Each structure stands twice: as structure tokens, then as C-alpha cells.
Amino acid sequence: MVINSRLKGIGLLDNPKALAVLVAAVAVLAVVWIWLKISAARRKPKIHPRLQKYAGPDAEFARKRREEASRIVATSSTQNIAGYEVVEQFETVFVDDFRRPEEAIEGVKAVAAMKGANAIVNLKYDRTSGGRCSASGDAVVVRKRTQ
């Protein structure tokens, strides 16, 4: 082998102390490399300022959005919601620039809840050509139908 002949040429394989130092140095380098990889995986990734708008919401914003969206009792892709009657209709709400359709629908629910609605009718979502998602729907107040 080329490596063995080079190591023999400088006498590393003949000297056990030098070989032990070499093996120890390689082991230390391997441990340091593994430690750097693990610590890099634990760090929050740094996002370039120009790309931050594509990074998605931070945890606190997402928690608030989920909390608002939980106030919506029903949604429908049609004009009606089974078992409910529309009492008041506010306006059409629209959100865009989400990564997934579920996030866009959650965003519409949150906006509608902030406007005082408890349901959404005519709910639609689309994926844009850039891969982002948008959603829209009519914010309404509903109540359960009485028989």
C-alpha cells in the first residue's frame, strides 16, 4: 500500500510511540468532528435576511394563530354548513404565502376569528406557481339549528 510505504519511509510504523500518537491524534480529530456536527444540528439555523419571509412563523406566532383558529366551530367549502344556520356574514377573508394548505386554512380561521366570526363558508385554498399556498373564505356567525 502507498500509505504503509510512506509511513515506513518516515519510520512511523517502526516506532510504537509515534504510531500511538498518530492514532490518538486521529481519534481526537474524529471526536471533535462528531461533536461539531452534533452541536451544529442542535443550533437554530441562521436564515439570510432576504430569505426570512420564506422561513415560516416563529413558535409564538404559530401558537397565537392556532389559538385564534380554535375559536372557529365549523367550516364548509359550500354556502351552507350542515346543522347550522348563518346569522351574520362579515366579509371575505384571504391569506397567502403559507407553506402548506393546512397552514393557510388555519390562517384564514385565525383572521376570521379576529373579525368576530365563529365559522367560515365558501372555504377555498390554492397553491401558487411558486409553491406557496393561499386560502380564502367568508367569515360568518352561525348558530345550531333548532328542530
Protein backbone atom coordinates (compact mmCIF):
# COMPACT_ATOMS: atom_id res chain seq x y z
CA MET A 1 0.00 0.00 0.00
CA VAL A 2 1.09 3.52 -0.70
CA ILE A 3 0.28 4.78 2.82
CA ASN A 4 2.18 1.97 4.54
CA SER A 5 5.25 2.52 2.34
CA ARG A 6 5.18 6.26 3.07
CA LEU A 7 4.77 5.66 6.80
CA LYS A 8 7.64 3.14 6.75
CA GLY A 9 9.75 5.67 4.90
CA ILE A 10 9.50 8.14 7.78
CA GLY A 11 9.68 5.42 10.43
CA LEU A 12 6.20 5.75 11.98
CA LEU A 13 5.36 2.04 11.75
CA ASP A 14 8.68 1.09 13.36
CA ASN A 15 8.22 3.42 16.34
CA PRO A 16 5.29 2.32 18.58
CA LYS A 17 5.18 5.65 20.46
CA ALA A 18 4.90 7.66 17.25
CA LEU A 19 2.21 5.31 15.96
CA ALA A 20 0.27 5.66 19.24
CA VAL A 21 0.46 9.46 18.99
CA LEU A 22 -0.79 9.32 15.40
CA VAL A 23 -3.72 7.04 16.32
CA ALA A 24 -4.58 9.27 19.31
CA ALA A 25 -4.50 12.39 17.13
CA VAL A 26 -6.83 10.79 14.58
CA ALA A 27 -9.18 9.70 17.38
CA VAL A 28 -9.23 13.21 18.86
CA LEU A 29 -9.96 14.72 15.44
CA ALA A 30 -12.81 12.25 14.94
CA VAL A 31 -14.33 13.08 18.33
CA VAL A 32 -14.04 16.83 17.68
CA TRP A 33 -15.64 16.44 14.24
CA ILE A 34 -18.56 14.43 15.68
CA TRP A 35 -19.03 16.99 18.49
CA LEU A 36 -19.11 19.86 15.96
CA LYS A 37 -21.71 18.03 13.84
CA ILE A 38 -23.93 17.36 16.87
CA SER A 39 -23.69 20.92 18.18
CA ALA A 40 -24.43 22.33 14.71
CA ALA A 41 -27.53 20.14 14.47
CA ARG A 42 -28.80 21.49 17.81
CA ARG A 43 -28.37 25.14 16.85
CA LYS A 44 -31.26 27.01 15.32
CA PRO A 45 -30.41 27.56 11.67
CA LYS A 46 -29.49 31.09 10.68
CA ILE A 47 -31.55 32.36 7.78
CA HIS A 48 -30.29 35.03 5.43
CA PRO A 49 -32.26 38.28 5.91
CA ARG A 50 -33.51 38.25 2.32
CA LEU A 51 -34.93 34.74 2.80
CA GLN A 52 -36.58 35.32 6.20
CA LYS A 53 -40.02 35.90 4.70
CA TYR A 54 -39.95 32.28 3.46
CA ALA A 55 -38.89 30.84 6.82
CA GLY A 56 -42.38 30.49 8.26
CA PRO A 57 -43.74 31.73 11.56
CA ASP A 58 -41.90 31.57 14.83
CA ALA A 59 -43.31 29.36 17.59
CA GLU A 60 -45.10 32.15 19.47
CA PHE A 61 -46.85 33.48 16.36
CA ALA A 62 -47.91 29.96 15.34
CA ARG A 63 -49.28 29.32 18.86
CA LYS A 64 -51.37 32.52 18.73
CA ARG A 65 -52.63 31.64 15.25
CA ARG A 66 -53.69 28.15 16.42
CA GLU A 67 -55.39 29.66 19.47
CA GLU A 68 -57.40 32.08 17.33
CA ALA A 69 -58.24 29.39 14.77
CA SER A 70 -59.62 27.12 17.51
CA ARG A 71 -62.50 29.58 18.02
CA ILE A 72 -63.94 28.57 14.63
CA VAL A 73 -66.61 25.90 15.21
CA ALA A 74 -67.28 24.87 11.59
CA THR A 75 -66.06 25.32 8.03
CA SER A 76 -67.56 24.49 4.67
CA SER A 77 -66.50 24.70 1.06
CA THR A 78 -70.12 25.49 0.16
CA GLN A 79 -72.57 28.25 1.11
CA ASN A 80 -74.15 26.18 3.92
CA ILE A 81 -72.95 24.31 7.00
CA ALA A 82 -74.97 21.22 7.92
CA GLY A 83 -76.72 21.62 11.26
CA TYR A 84 -76.08 25.37 11.49
CA GLU A 85 -77.80 28.49 10.23
CA VAL A 86 -75.92 31.63 9.21
CA VAL A 87 -76.85 34.53 11.47
CA GLU A 88 -74.47 37.19 10.18
CA GLN A 89 -71.94 37.41 7.38
CA PHE A 90 -68.93 39.70 7.84
CA GLU A 91 -66.65 39.68 4.83
CA THR A 92 -64.38 37.54 2.73
CA VAL A 93 -61.02 36.89 4.34
CA PHE A 94 -57.89 36.00 2.39
CA VAL A 95 -54.40 34.86 3.42
CA ASP A 96 -51.42 33.83 1.32
CA ASP A 97 -47.75 32.89 1.39
CA PHE A 98 -48.06 29.76 3.54
CA ARG A 99 -46.01 26.60 3.04
CA ARG A 100 -48.86 24.07 3.28
CA PRO A 101 -52.63 24.19 2.64
CA GLU A 102 -53.31 23.25 6.29
CA GLU A 103 -51.38 26.32 7.45
CA ALA A 104 -53.27 28.57 5.00
CA ILE A 105 -56.64 27.25 6.22
CA GLU A 106 -55.52 27.77 9.82
CA GLY A 107 -54.55 31.33 8.86
CA VAL A 108 -58.00 32.02 7.36
CA LYS A 109 -59.63 30.65 10.51
CA ALA A 110 -57.49 32.91 12.70
CA VAL A 111 -58.27 36.03 10.65
CA ALA A 112 -61.99 35.24 10.64
CA ALA A 113 -61.98 34.68 14.41
CA MET A 114 -60.24 38.03 14.93
CA LYS A 115 -63.07 39.68 12.98
CA GLY A 116 -65.65 38.09 15.31
CA ALA A 117 -66.73 35.11 13.21
CA ASN A 118 -67.23 31.60 14.53
CA ALA A 119 -67.42 29.80 11.16
CA ILE A 120 -66.25 30.04 7.55
CA VAL A 121 -68.23 29.22 4.41
CA ASN A 122 -67.03 29.05 0.80
CA LEU A 123 -63.58 27.97 2.02
CA LYS A 124 -61.06 27.52 -0.79
CA TYR A 125 -57.32 27.07 -0.98
CA ASP A 126 -54.87 27.23 -3.88
CA ARG A 127 -51.21 26.53 -4.46
CA THR A 128 -49.40 29.29 -6.32
CA SER A 129 -46.87 28.73 -9.08
CA GLY A 130 -44.09 29.41 -6.56
CA GLY A 131 -45.25 26.53 -4.37
CA ARG A 132 -46.82 28.72 -1.68
CA CYS A 133 -50.43 28.32 -0.53
CA SER A 134 -53.27 30.80 -0.21
CA ALA A 135 -56.77 30.41 1.21
CA SER A 136 -59.99 32.42 1.31
CA GLY A 137 -63.47 32.14 2.71
CA ASP A 138 -66.45 34.11 4.01
CA ALA A 139 -66.35 34.88 7.72
CA VAL A 140 -69.79 34.25 9.28
CA VAL A 141 -71.52 33.85 12.62
CA VAL A 142 -73.57 30.66 12.88
CA ARG A 143 -75.77 29.01 15.48
CA LYS A 144 -77.07 25.48 15.76
CA ARG A 145 -80.37 24.85 14.06
CA THR A 146 -83.28 24.08 16.35
CA GLN A 147 -85.72 21.43 15.18
